[in-house]
PDB file of N, CA and C in Angstrom:
ATOM      1  N   MET A   1      -4.360  37.361  35.236  1.00  0.00           N
ATOM      2  CA  MET A   1      -5.012  36.429  33.919  1.00  0.00           C
ATOM      3  C   MET A   1      -6.640  36.676  34.785  1.00  0.00           C
ATOM      4  N   ALA A   2      -7.953  36.257  34.327  1.00  0.00           N
ATOM      5  CA  ALA A   2      -8.572  36.300  35.007  1.00  0.00           C
ATOM      6  C   ALA A   2      -9.212  35.094  35.036  1.00  0.00           C
ATOM      7  N   THR A   3      -8.481  34.274  33.536  1.00  0.00           N
ATOM      8  CA  THR A   3      -8.727  33.041  33.264  1.00  0.00           C
ATOM      9  C   THR A   3      -8.175  32.167  33.626  1.00  0.00           C
ATOM     10  N   GLY A   4      -7.076  32.562  35.010  1.00  0.00           N
ATOM     11  CA  GLY A   4      -5.675  31.557  35.371  1.00  0.00           C
ATOM     12  C   GLY A   4      -5.381  30.939  33.709  1.00  0.00           C
ATOM     13  N   GLY A   5      -4.880  31.325  32.423  1.00  0.00           N
ATOM     14  CA  GLY A   5      -4.055  30.896  32.009  1.00  0.00           C
ATOM     15  C   GLY A   5      -4.734  30.015  30.630  1.00  0.00           C
ATOM     16  N   ARG A   6      -5.857  29.907  31.144  1.00  0.00           N
ATOM     17  CA  ARG A   6      -6.991  28.923  30.255  1.00  0.00           C
ATOM     18  C   ARG A   6      -7.561  29.470  29.431  1.00  0.00           C
ATOM     19  N   GLY A   7      -7.969  29.337  28.381  1.00  0.00           N
ATOM     20  CA  GLY A   7      -8.843  29.813  27.184  1.00  0.00           C
ATOM     21  C   GLY A   7     -10.289  30.288  27.750  1.00  0.00           C
ATOM     22  N   ALA A   8     -10.530  31.210  27.474  1.00  0.00           N
ATOM     23  CA  ALA A   8     -12.089  31.321  28.064  1.00  0.00           C
ATOM     24  C   ALA A   8     -13.286  30.421  27.847  1.00  0.00           C
ATOM     25  N   ALA A   9     -13.119  29.769  26.113  1.00  0.00           N
ATOM     26  CA  ALA A   9     -13.986  29.088  25.564  1.00  0.00           C
ATOM     27  C   ALA A   9     -13.517  27.405  25.835  1.00  0.00           C
ATOM     28  N   LYS A  10     -12.487  27.034  26.671  1.00  0.00           N
ATOM     29  CA  LYS A  10     -11.704  25.708  26.971  1.00  0.00           C
ATOM     30  C   LYS A  10     -13.027  24.808  27.646  1.00  0.00           C
ATOM     31  N   GLY A  11     -13.444  23.640  25.996  1.00  0.00           N
ATOM     32  CA  GLY A  11     -13.647  22.680  26.798  1.00  0.00           C
ATOM     33  C   GLY A  11     -15.090  23.145  26.618  1.00  0.00           C
ATOM     34  N   ARG A  12     -15.776  23.881  26.026  1.00  0.00           N
ATOM     35  CA  ARG A  12     -17.340  24.158  26.082  1.00  0.00           C
ATOM     36  C   ARG A  12     -17.595  24.407  24.678  1.00  0.00           C
ATOM     37  N   GLY A  13     -18.503  23.845  24.186  1.00  0.00           N
ATOM     38  CA  GLY A  13     -18.849  24.205  22.531  1.00  0.00           C
ATOM     39  C   GLY A  13     -18.362  22.809  21.945  1.00  0.00           C
ATOM     40  N   ARG A  14     -18.203  22.112  22.562  1.00  0.00           N
ATOM     41  CA  ARG A  14     -17.025  20.545  21.846  1.00  0.00           C
ATOM     42  C   ARG A  14     -18.170  19.061  22.542  1.00  0.00           C
ATOM     43  N   GLY A  15     -18.870  18.726  21.691  1.00  0.00           N
ATOM     44  CA  GLY A  15     -19.558  17.856  21.564  1.00  0.00           C
ATOM     45  C   GLY A  15     -18.491  16.629  22.123  1.00  0.00           C
ATOM     46  N   SER A  16     -18.904  15.152  22.575  1.00  0.00           N
ATOM     47  CA  SER A  16     -18.505  14.149  22.336  1.00  0.00           C
ATOM     48  C   SER A  16     -18.024  13.243  21.289  1.00  0.00           C
ATOM     49  N   GLY A  17     -16.891  12.763  21.568  1.00  0.00           N
ATOM     50  CA  GLY A  17     -16.074  12.109  20.470  1.00  0.00           C
ATOM     51  C   GLY A  17     -17.214  11.146  19.260  1.00  0.00           C
ATOM     52  N   ARG A  18     -17.776  10.817  20.130  1.00  0.00           N
ATOM     53  CA  ARG A  18     -19.018   9.871  19.096  1.00  0.00           C
ATOM     54  C   ARG A  18     -19.857  11.287  18.074  1.00  0.00           C
ATOM     55  N   ALA A  19     -20.536  12.383  18.907  1.00  0.00           N
ATOM     56  CA  ALA A  19     -21.335  13.052  18.170  1.00  0.00           C
ATOM     57  C   ALA A  19     -20.244  13.952  17.295  1.00  0.00           C
ATOM     58  N   ARG A  20     -19.051  13.756  17.303  1.00  0.00           N
ATOM     59  CA  ARG A  20     -18.067  14.681  16.537  1.00  0.00           C
ATOM     60  C   ARG A  20     -17.363  13.675  15.294  1.00  0.00           C
ATOM     61  N   ALA A  21     -17.581  12.294  15.738  1.00  0.00           N
ATOM     62  CA  ALA A  21     -17.222  11.676  14.386  1.00  0.00           C
ATOM     63  C   ALA A  21     -18.312  11.468  13.629  1.00  0.00           C
ATOM     64  N   ALA A  22     -19.619  11.154  13.988  1.00  0.00           N
ATOM     65  CA  ALA A  22     -20.875  11.060  13.214  1.00  0.00           C
ATOM     66  C   ALA A  22     -21.044  12.845  12.411  1.00  0.00           C
ATOM     67  N   ALA A  23     -20.988  13.642  12.806  1.00  0.00           N
ATOM     68  CA  ALA A  23     -20.893  14.978  12.410  1.00  0.00           C
ATOM     69  C   ALA A  23     -19.642  15.200  11.231  1.00  0.00           C
ATOM     70  N   THR A  24     -18.781  14.303  11.526  1.00  0.00           N
ATOM     71  CA  THR A  24     -17.825  14.779  10.441  1.00  0.00           C
ATOM     72  C   THR A  24     -17.868  13.575   9.247  1.00  0.00           C
ATOM     73  N   GLY A  25     -18.762  12.767   9.902  1.00  0.00           N
ATOM     74  CA  GLY A  25     -18.845  11.722   8.613  1.00  0.00           C
ATOM     75  C   GLY A  25     -17.590   9.929   9.146  1.00  0.00           C
ATOM     76  N   ARG A  26     -16.519  10.507  10.201  1.00  0.00           N
ATOM     77  CA  ARG A  26     -15.720   9.556  10.080  1.00  0.00           C
ATOM     78  C   ARG A  26     -15.943   8.551  11.016  1.00  0.00           C
ATOM     79  N   ARG A  27     -15.803   7.385  10.476  1.00  0.00           N
ATOM     80  CA  ARG A  27     -15.709   6.024  11.459  1.00  0.00           C
ATOM     81  C   ARG A  27     -14.945   5.937  12.819  1.00  0.00           C
ATOM     82  N   GLU A  28     -15.429   5.683  13.981  1.00  0.00           N
ATOM     83  CA  GLU A  28     -14.912   5.506  15.059  1.00  0.00           C
ATOM     84  C   GLU A  28     -13.874   4.301  15.039  1.00  0.00           C
ATOM     85  N   ARG A  29     -12.351   4.057  15.490  1.00  0.00           N
ATOM     86  CA  ARG A  29     -11.845   2.971  16.098  1.00  0.00           C
ATOM     87  C   ARG A  29     -12.018   1.921  16.394  1.00  0.00           C
ATOM     88  N   PRO A  30     -12.202   0.864  16.026  1.00  0.00           N
ATOM     89  CA  PRO A  30     -12.562  -0.700  16.548  1.00  0.00           C
ATOM     90  C   PRO A  30     -11.972  -0.724  18.028  1.00  0.00           C
ATOM     91  N   ALA A  31     -12.829  -1.291  18.838  1.00  0.00           N
ATOM     92  CA  ALA A  31     -11.746  -1.617  19.952  1.00  0.00           C
ATOM     93  C   ALA A  31     -10.959  -2.018  20.417  1.00  0.00           C
ATOM     94  N   PRO A  32      -9.527  -2.129  20.989  1.00  0.00           N
ATOM     95  CA  PRO A  32      -8.441  -2.947  21.104  1.00  0.00           C
ATOM     96  C   PRO A  32      -8.572  -3.988  21.611  1.00  0.00           C
ATOM     97  N   GLN A  33      -7.721  -5.572  20.281  1.00  0.00           N
ATOM     98  CA  GLN A  33      -8.305  -6.693  20.312  1.00  0.00           C
ATOM     99  C   GLN A  33      -6.960  -6.840  21.549  1.00  0.00           C
ATOM    100  N   ASP A  34      -7.695  -8.275  22.238  1.00  0.00           N
ATOM    101  CA  ASP A  34      -6.647  -8.753  23.161  1.00  0.00           C
ATOM    102  C   ASP A  34      -5.602  -9.514  22.538  1.00  0.00           C
ATOM    103  N   VAL A  35      -4.158  -9.300  23.019  1.00  0.00           N
ATOM    104  CA  VAL A  35      -2.894  -9.908  21.739  1.00  0.00           C
ATOM    105  C   VAL A  35      -2.596 -10.515  22.928  1.00  0.00           C
ATOM    106  N   ASP A  36      -1.776 -11.421  22.355  1.00  0.00           N
ATOM    107  CA  ASP A  36      -0.500 -12.473  23.270  1.00  0.00           C
ATOM    108  C   ASP A  36       0.851 -11.830  23.004  1.00  0.00           C
ATOM    109  N   LEU A  37       1.477 -11.071  24.461  1.00  0.00           N
ATOM    110  CA  LEU A  37       2.821 -10.831  23.918  1.00  0.00           C
ATOM    111  C   LEU A  37       3.576 -11.565  23.628  1.00  0.00           C
ATOM    112  N   ARG A  38       3.422 -12.924  24.318  1.00  0.00           N
ATOM    113  CA  ARG A  38       4.425 -14.204  23.749  1.00  0.00           C
ATOM    114  C   ARG A  38       4.415 -14.233  22.435  1.00  0.00           C
ATOM    115  N   VAL A  39       3.609 -13.866  21.552  1.00  0.00           N
ATOM    116  CA  VAL A  39       3.660 -14.223  19.981  1.00  0.00           C
ATOM    117  C   VAL A  39       4.807 -12.990  19.053  1.00  0.00           C
ATOM    118  N   GLN A  40       4.616 -11.776  19.757  1.00  0.00           N
ATOM    119  CA  GLN A  40       5.016 -10.929  19.366  1.00  0.00           C
ATOM    120  C   GLN A  40       5.950 -11.018  20.155  1.00  0.00           C
ATOM    121  N   LEU A  41       6.975 -11.522  21.046  1.00  0.00           N
ATOM    122  CA  LEU A  41       8.089 -11.800  21.366  1.00  0.00           C
ATOM    123  C   LEU A  41       9.521 -11.250  20.886  1.00  0.00           C
ATOM    124  N   PRO A  42       9.549 -12.432  19.980  1.00  0.00           N
ATOM    125  CA  PRO A  42      10.549 -13.049  19.029  1.00  0.00           C
ATOM    126  C   PRO A  42      10.938 -11.400  17.886  1.00  0.00           C
ATOM    127  N   TYR A  43       9.328 -11.287  17.256  1.00  0.00           N
ATOM    128  CA  TYR A  43       9.604 -10.074  16.628  1.00  0.00           C
ATOM    129  C   TYR A  43      10.343  -8.760  17.082  1.00  0.00           C
ATOM    130  N   PHE A  44       9.952  -8.321  18.249  1.00  0.00           N
ATOM    131  CA  PHE A  44      10.676  -7.483  19.235  1.00  0.00           C
ATOM    132  C   PHE A  44      11.857  -7.469  19.517  1.00  0.00           C
ATOM    133  N   LEU A  45      11.892  -8.919  19.735  1.00  0.00           N
ATOM    134  CA  LEU A  45      14.157  -8.680  19.814  1.00  0.00           C
ATOM    135  C   LEU A  45      14.643  -8.684  19.086  1.00  0.00           C
ATOM    136  N   ILE A  46      14.239  -9.151  17.871  1.00  0.00           N
ATOM    137  CA  ILE A  46      14.925  -9.005  16.591  1.00  0.00           C
ATOM    138  C   ILE A  46      15.013  -7.463  16.344  1.00  0.00           C
ATOM    139  N   ARG A  47      13.765  -6.724  16.192  1.00  0.00           N
ATOM    140  CA  ARG A  47      14.141  -5.358  16.334  1.00  0.00           C
ATOM    141  C   ARG A  47      14.817  -4.640  17.093  1.00  0.00           C
ATOM    142  N   LEU A  48      14.389  -4.858  18.516  1.00  0.00           N
ATOM    143  CA  LEU A  48      15.913  -4.265  19.420  1.00  0.00           C
ATOM    144  C   LEU A  48      17.223  -4.820  19.320  1.00  0.00           C
ATOM    145  N   ALA A  49      17.191  -5.836  18.824  1.00  0.00           N
ATOM    146  CA  ALA A  49      18.483  -5.968  18.484  1.00  0.00           C
ATOM    147  C   ALA A  49      19.138  -5.282  17.039  1.00  0.00           C
ATOM    148  N   ALA A  50      18.378  -5.157  16.347  1.00  0.00           N
ATOM    149  CA  ALA A  50      18.732  -4.328  15.208  1.00  0.00           C
ATOM    150  C   ALA A  50      19.377  -2.828  15.571  1.00  0.00           C
ATOM    151  N   LEU A  51      18.441  -2.377  16.295  1.00  0.00           N
ATOM    152  CA  LEU A  51      18.476  -0.912  17.126  1.00  0.00           C
ATOM    153  C   LEU A  51      19.276  -0.865  18.129  1.00  0.00           C
ATOM    154  N   VAL A  52      20.242  -2.057  18.856  1.00  0.00           N
ATOM    155  CA  VAL A  52      21.144  -2.183  19.485  1.00  0.00           C
ATOM    156  C   VAL A  52      22.870  -2.265  18.419  1.00  0.00           C
ATOM    157  N   VAL A  53      22.528  -2.778  17.695  1.00  0.00           N
ATOM    158  CA  VAL A  53      23.834  -3.040  16.699  1.00  0.00           C
ATOM    159  C   VAL A  53      23.902  -2.202  16.152  1.00  0.00           C
ATOM    160  N   ILE A  54      22.740  -1.127  15.690  1.00  0.00           N
ATOM    161  CA  ILE A  54      23.131  -0.015  15.234  1.00  0.00           C
ATOM    162  C   ILE A  54      23.420   1.027  15.285  1.00  0.00           C
ATOM    163  N   THR A  55      23.208   1.073  16.798  1.00  0.00           N
ATOM    164  CA  THR A  55      23.592   1.921  17.647  1.00  0.00           C
ATOM    165  C   THR A  55      25.379   2.249  18.136  1.00  0.00           C
ATOM    166  N   VAL A  56      25.395   0.698  18.713  1.00  0.00           N
ATOM    167  CA  VAL A  56      26.591   0.224  19.002  1.00  0.00           C
ATOM    168  C   VAL A  56      27.780   1.080  17.688  1.00  0.00           C
ATOM    169  N   VAL A  57      27.443   0.448  16.519  1.00  0.00           N
ATOM    170  CA  VAL A  57      28.344   0.331  15.242  1.00  0.00           C
ATOM    171  C   VAL A  57      28.481   2.262  15.129  1.00  0.00           C
ATOM    172  N   LEU A  58      27.192   2.915  15.158  1.00  0.00           N
ATOM    173  CA  LEU A  58      27.979   4.515  15.341  1.00  0.00           C
ATOM    174  C   LEU A  58      28.061   4.642  16.356  1.00  0.00           C
ATOM    175  N   ALA A  59      28.410   4.159  17.719  1.00  0.00           N
ATOM    176  CA  ALA A  59      28.897   4.705  18.629  1.00  0.00           C
ATOM    177  C   ALA A  59      30.530   4.577  18.487  1.00  0.00           C
ATOM    178  N   VAL A  60      30.756   3.059  18.034  1.00  0.00           N
ATOM    179  CA  VAL A  60      32.205   2.630  17.814  1.00  0.00           C
ATOM    180  C   VAL A  60      33.316   3.280  16.791  1.00  0.00           C
ATOM    181  N   VAL A  61      32.240   3.813  15.801  1.00  0.00           N
ATOM    182  CA  VAL A  61      32.831   4.647  14.941  1.00  0.00           C
ATOM    183  C   VAL A  61      32.986   5.685  15.293  1.00  0.00           C
ATOM    184  N   GLY A  62      32.585   6.591  16.014  1.00  0.00           N
ATOM    185  CA  GLY A  62      32.506   8.559  16.482  1.00  0.00           C
ATOM    186  C   GLY A  62      31.893   9.106  16.767  1.00  0.00           C
ATOM    187  N   VAL A  63      30.589   8.678  16.477  1.00  0.00           N
ATOM    188  CA  VAL A  63      29.277   9.835  16.777  1.00  0.00           C
ATOM    189  C   VAL A  63      29.095   9.433  18.041  1.00  0.00           C
ATOM    190  N   SER A  64      28.325  10.378  18.372  1.00  0.00           N
ATOM    191  CA  SER A  64      27.919  10.613  20.021  1.00  0.00           C
ATOM    192  C   SER A  64      26.834   9.975  20.674  1.00  0.00           C
ATOM    193  N   LEU A  65      26.979   9.686  21.448  1.00  0.00           N
ATOM    194  CA  LEU A  65      25.925   8.550  21.903  1.00  0.00           C
ATOM    195  C   LEU A  65      24.672   9.087  21.243  1.00  0.00           C
ATOM    196  N   LEU A  66      24.199  10.152  22.262  1.00  0.00           N
ATOM    197  CA  LEU A  66      22.707  10.842  21.910  1.00  0.00           C
ATOM    198  C   LEU A  66      22.369  10.500  20.344  1.00  0.00           C
ATOM    199  N   LEU A  67      23.499  11.427  19.855  1.00  0.00           N
ATOM    200  CA  LEU A  67      23.179  11.306  18.282  1.00  0.00           C
ATOM    201  C   LEU A  67      22.893   9.488  17.581  1.00  0.00           C
ATOM    202  N   SER A  68      23.869   9.041  17.923  1.00  0.00           N
ATOM    203  CA  SER A  68      24.032   7.437  17.685  1.00  0.00           C
ATOM    204  C   SER A  68      22.474   6.818  18.164  1.00  0.00           C
ATOM    205  N   VAL A  69      22.124   7.046  19.385  1.00  0.00           N
ATOM    206  CA  VAL A  69      20.714   6.203  19.521  1.00  0.00           C
ATOM    207  C   VAL A  69      19.771   6.642  18.361  1.00  0.00           C
ATOM    208  N   LEU A  70      19.405   7.893  18.308  1.00  0.00           N
ATOM    209  CA  LEU A  70      18.762   8.716  17.987  1.00  0.00           C
ATOM    210  C   LEU A  70      18.688   8.356  16.221  1.00  0.00           C
ATOM    211  N   ILE A  71      19.573   8.172  15.745  1.00  0.00           N
ATOM    212  CA  ILE A  71      20.050   7.500  14.172  1.00  0.00           C
ATOM    213  C   ILE A  71      19.641   6.036  14.735  1.00  0.00           C
ATOM    214  N   GLY A  72      20.374   5.564  15.245  1.00  0.00           N
ATOM    215  CA  GLY A  72      19.739   4.337  15.220  1.00  0.00           C
ATOM    216  C   GLY A  72      18.406   3.952  15.197  1.00  0.00           C
ATOM    217  N   LEU A  73      17.279   4.780  16.921  1.00  0.00           N
ATOM    218  CA  LEU A  73      15.856   4.722  16.432  1.00  0.00           C
ATOM    219  C   LEU A  73      15.644   4.828  14.813  1.00  0.00           C
ATOM    220  N   ALA A  74      15.576   5.749  14.103  1.00  0.00           N
ATOM    221  CA  ALA A  74      15.540   6.052  12.994  1.00  0.00           C
ATOM    222  C   ALA A  74      15.639   4.460  12.265  1.00  0.00           C
ATOM    223  N   VAL A  75      16.754   4.772  12.143  1.00  0.00           N
ATOM    224  CA  VAL A  75      17.275   3.362  10.641  1.00  0.00           C
ATOM    225  C   VAL A  75      16.810   2.194  11.225  1.00  0.00           C
ATOM    226  N   ALA A  76      16.969   1.595  12.229  1.00  0.00           N
ATOM    227  CA  ALA A  76      16.434   0.567  13.024  1.00  0.00           C
ATOM    228  C   ALA A  76      14.372   0.320  12.435  1.00  0.00           C
ATOM    229  N   GLY A  77      14.120   1.397  13.010  1.00  0.00           N
ATOM    230  CA  GLY A  77      12.456   1.784  12.345  1.00  0.00           C
ATOM    231  C   GLY A  77      12.361   1.328  10.920  1.00  0.00           C
ATOM    232  N   LEU A  78      13.142   2.369  10.127  1.00  0.00           N
ATOM    233  CA  LEU A  78      12.699   1.937   8.693  1.00  0.00           C
ATOM    234  C   LEU A  78      13.203   0.702   8.341  1.00  0.00           C
ATOM    235  N   LEU A  79      14.367   0.304   8.772  1.00  0.00           N
ATOM    236  CA  LEU A  79      14.646  -1.251   8.369  1.00  0.00           C
ATOM    237  C   LEU A  79      13.625  -2.282   8.280  1.00  0.00           C
ATOM    238  N   THR A  80      13.093  -1.926   9.789  1.00  0.00           N
ATOM    239  CA  THR A  80      12.246  -3.310  10.600  1.00  0.00           C
ATOM    240  C   THR A  80      10.929  -3.250  10.153  1.00  0.00           C
ATOM    241  N   TRP A  81      10.254  -2.121   9.605  1.00  0.00           N
ATOM    242  CA  TRP A  81       9.237  -1.947   9.143  1.00  0.00           C
ATOM    243  C   TRP A  81       8.411  -3.069   9.331  1.00  0.00           C
ATOM    244  N   PRO A  82       9.362  -3.433   7.793  1.00  0.00           N
ATOM    245  CA  PRO A  82       7.939  -5.461   7.349  1.00  0.00           C
ATOM    246  C   PRO A  82       8.048  -5.994   8.391  1.00  0.00           C
ATOM    247  N   LEU A  83       9.110  -6.264   9.010  1.00  0.00           N
ATOM    248  CA  LEU A  83       8.926  -7.068  10.204  1.00  0.00           C
ATOM    249  C   LEU A  83       8.149  -6.948  11.500  1.00  0.00           C
ATOM    250  N   GLY A  84       7.631  -5.332  11.857  1.00  0.00           N
ATOM    251  CA  GLY A  84       6.765  -4.859  12.548  1.00  0.00           C
ATOM    252  C   GLY A  84       5.643  -5.192  12.051  1.00  0.00           C
ATOM    253  N   ARG A  85       5.264  -5.155  11.235  1.00  0.00           N
ATOM    254  CA  ARG A  85       3.512  -5.820  10.465  1.00  0.00           C
ATOM    255  C   ARG A  85       3.658  -7.342  10.204  1.00  0.00           C
ATOM    256  N   MET A  86       4.883  -7.871  10.374  1.00  0.00           N
ATOM    257  CA  MET A  86       4.255  -9.295  10.175  1.00  0.00           C
ATOM    258  C   MET A  86       4.281  -9.678  11.775  1.00  0.00           C
ATOM    259  N   GLN A  87       4.784  -8.918  12.643  1.00  0.00           N
ATOM    260  CA  GLN A  87       4.293  -8.778  14.398  1.00  0.00           C
ATOM    261  C   GLN A  87       3.218  -8.881  14.528  1.00  0.00           C
ATOM    262  N   ARG A  88       2.350  -7.882  13.923  1.00  0.00           N
ATOM    263  CA  ARG A  88       1.082  -7.716  14.083  1.00  0.00           C
ATOM    264  C   ARG A  88       0.051  -8.581  13.777  1.00  0.00           C
ATOM    265  N   ARG A  89       0.903  -8.820  12.106  1.00  0.00           N
ATOM    266  CA  ARG A  89      -0.261  -9.760  11.928  1.00  0.00           C
ATOM    267  C   ARG A  89      -0.285 -11.239  12.750  1.00  0.00           C
ATOM    268  N   ALA A  90       0.875 -11.742  13.057  1.00  0.00           N
ATOM    269  CA  ALA A  90       0.688 -13.095  13.969  1.00  0.00           C
ATOM    270  C   ALA A  90       0.543 -13.054  15.092  1.00  0.00           C
ATOM    271  N   ALA A  91       0.069 -11.359  15.934  1.00  0.00           N
ATOM    272  CA  ALA A  91      -0.858 -11.658  17.008  1.00  0.00           C
ATOM    273  C   ALA A  91      -2.422 -11.198  16.890  1.00  0.00           C
ATOM    274  N   GLN A  92      -2.955 -11.014  15.421  1.00  0.00           N
ATOM    275  CA  GLN A  92      -3.734 -11.103  15.032  1.00  0.00           C
ATOM    276  C   GLN A  92      -4.336 -12.432  15.133  1.00  0.00           C
ATOM    277  N   ARG A  93      -3.315 -12.732  14.133  1.00  0.00           N
ATOM    278  CA  ARG A  93      -3.718 -14.413  14.131  1.00  0.00           C
ATOM    279  C   ARG A  93      -3.676 -15.595  15.462  1.00  0.00           C
ATOM    280  N   ALA A  94      -2.803 -15.366  16.091  1.00  0.00           N
ATOM    281  CA  ALA A  94      -2.763 -15.683  18.096  1.00  0.00           C
ATOM    282  C   ALA A  94      -4.321 -15.717  18.161  1.00  0.00           C
ATOM    283  N   ALA A  95      -4.929 -14.051  18.577  1.00  0.00           N
ATOM    284  CA  ALA A  95      -5.868 -13.774  18.885  1.00  0.00           C
ATOM    285  C   ALA A  95      -7.117 -14.481  18.040  1.00  0.00           C
ATOM    286  N   ALA A  96      -7.020 -14.550  17.228  1.00  0.00           N
ATOM    287  CA  ALA A  96      -8.019 -15.797  16.137  1.00  0.00           C
ATOM    288  C   ALA A  96      -8.467 -16.560  16.359  1.00  0.00           C
ATOM    289  N   ALA A  97      -6.827 -17.597  16.393  1.00  0.00           N
ATOM    290  CA  ALA A  97      -6.923 -18.767  17.030  1.00  0.00           C
ATOM    291  C   ALA A  97      -7.402 -18.848  18.662  1.00  0.00           C
ATOM    292  N   ARG A  98      -7.006 -18.195  19.271  1.00  0.00           N
ATOM    293  CA  ARG A  98      -7.568 -18.344  20.789  1.00  0.00           C
ATOM    294  C   ARG A  98      -8.744 -17.771  20.687  1.00  0.00           C
ATOM    295  N   GLY A  99      -9.458 -16.953  20.013  1.00  0.00           N
ATOM    296  CA  GLY A  99     -10.751 -16.439  20.286  1.00  0.00           C
ATOM    297  C   GLY A  99     -11.556 -18.141  19.400  1.00  0.00           C
ATOM    298  N   ALA A 100     -11.162 -18.484  18.368  1.00  0.00           N
ATOM    299  CA  ALA A 100     -11.754 -19.569  17.914  1.00  0.00           C
ATOM    300  C   ALA A 100     -11.747 -21.213  18.764  1.00  0.00           C
ATOM    301  N   ALA A 101     -10.631 -21.162  19.716  1.00  0.00           N
ATOM    302  CA  ALA A 101     -10.159 -22.060  20.713  1.00  0.00           C
ATOM    303  C   ALA A 101     -11.323 -22.260  22.135  1.00  0.00           C
ATOM    304  N   GLY A 102     -12.119 -20.666  22.240  1.00  0.00           N
ATOM    305  CA  GLY A 102     -12.050 -20.441  23.104  1.00  0.00           C
ATOM    306  C   GLY A 102     -11.833 -19.833  24.294  1.00  0.00           C
ATOM    307  N   PRO A 103     -12.700 -19.323  25.399  1.00  0.00           N
ATOM    308  CA  PRO A 103     -11.896 -18.887  26.356  1.00  0.00           C
ATOM    309  C   PRO A 103     -10.895 -18.992  26.929  1.00  0.00           C
ATOM    310  N   GLN A 104      -9.373 -18.790  27.325  1.00  0.00           N
ATOM    311  CA  GLN A 104      -8.510 -19.374  28.232  1.00  0.00           C
ATOM    312  C   GLN A 104      -8.908 -19.520  29.570  1.00  0.00           C
ATOM    313  N   PRO A 105      -8.205 -20.635  30.457  1.00  0.00           N
ATOM    314  CA  PRO A 105      -8.681 -21.195  31.236  1.00  0.00           C
ATOM    315  C   PRO A 105      -7.948 -19.844  32.144  1.00  0.00           C
ATOM    316  N   PRO A 106      -8.396 -20.027  33.663  1.00  0.00           N
ATOM    317  CA  PRO A 106      -7.541 -18.947  34.414  1.00  0.00           C
ATOM    318  C   PRO A 106      -6.713 -19.532  35.333  1.00  0.00           C
ATOM    319  N   VAL A 107      -5.726 -18.631  35.202  1.00  0.00           N
ATOM    320  CA  VAL A 107      -4.343 -18.884  35.342  1.00  0.00           C
ATOM    321  C   VAL A 107      -4.227 -18.469  37.055  1.00  0.00           C
ATOM    322  N   ALA A 108      -3.608 -19.521  37.937  1.00  0.00           N
ATOM    323  CA  ALA A 108      -3.649 -19.166  39.071  1.00  0.00           C
ATOM    324  C   ALA A 108      -3.341 -18.237  39.954  1.00  0.00           C
ATOM    325  N   GLY A 109      -3.673 -17.485  40.978  1.00  0.00           N
ATOM    326  CA  GLY A 109      -2.662 -16.111  41.211  1.00  0.00           C
ATOM    327  C   GLY A 109      -3.165 -15.147  40.526  1.00  0.00           C
ATOM    328  N   LYS A 110      -4.365 -15.485  39.523  1.00  0.00           N
ATOM    329  CA  LYS A 110      -4.119 -13.635  39.011  1.00  0.00           C
ATOM    330  C   LYS A 110      -6.041 -13.577  39.153  1.00  0.00           C
ATOM    331  N   GLY A 111      -6.756 -14.199  39.820  1.00  0.00           N
ATOM    332  CA  GLY A 111      -7.710 -13.636  40.316  1.00  0.00           C
ATOM    333  C   GLY A 111      -8.140 -13.011  41.612  1.00  0.00           C
ATOM    334  N   ARG A 112      -9.325 -12.878  41.632  1.00  0.00           N
ATOM    335  CA  ARG A 112      -9.584 -11.752  43.113  1.00  0.00           C
ATOM    336  C   ARG A 112      -9.456 -12.633  44.108  1.00  0.00           C
ATOM    337  N   ASP A 113      -9.986 -14.140  43.869  1.00  0.00           N
ATOM    338  CA  ASP A 113      -9.808 -14.851  45.214  1.00  0.00           C
ATOM    339  C   ASP A 113      -8.659 -15.215  45.676  1.00  0.00           C
ATOM    340  N   ALA A 114      -7.661 -15.069  45.145  1.00  0.00           N
ATOM    341  CA  ALA A 114      -6.118 -15.845  45.123  1.00  0.00           C
ATOM    342  C   ALA A 114      -5.542 -14.660  46.171  1.00  0.00           C
TER     343      ALA A 114
END
């Protein structure tokens, strides 16, 4: 192959993401916020526990392990979807409260001088 498996026009004729978004009329996504993962931890653990319980119950019933994990992921995702929304809101509230309280003091050992 003369092009080495790549299309002849690969990467050409495409504008930057910003130019494409402006041309199509779509807005760009806002920058990701800093979130406090400690706020999200209880919600995550509850969702993980739901996955483990569903998977173990299916495996004990006699479903193959791989299939029970896949079914567990799907069912736990559907059952804990409202919990995931609460997790996101809690993280946003914590980030907003932290932003209103001012910048956090530096943690020892995390800087360049340590």
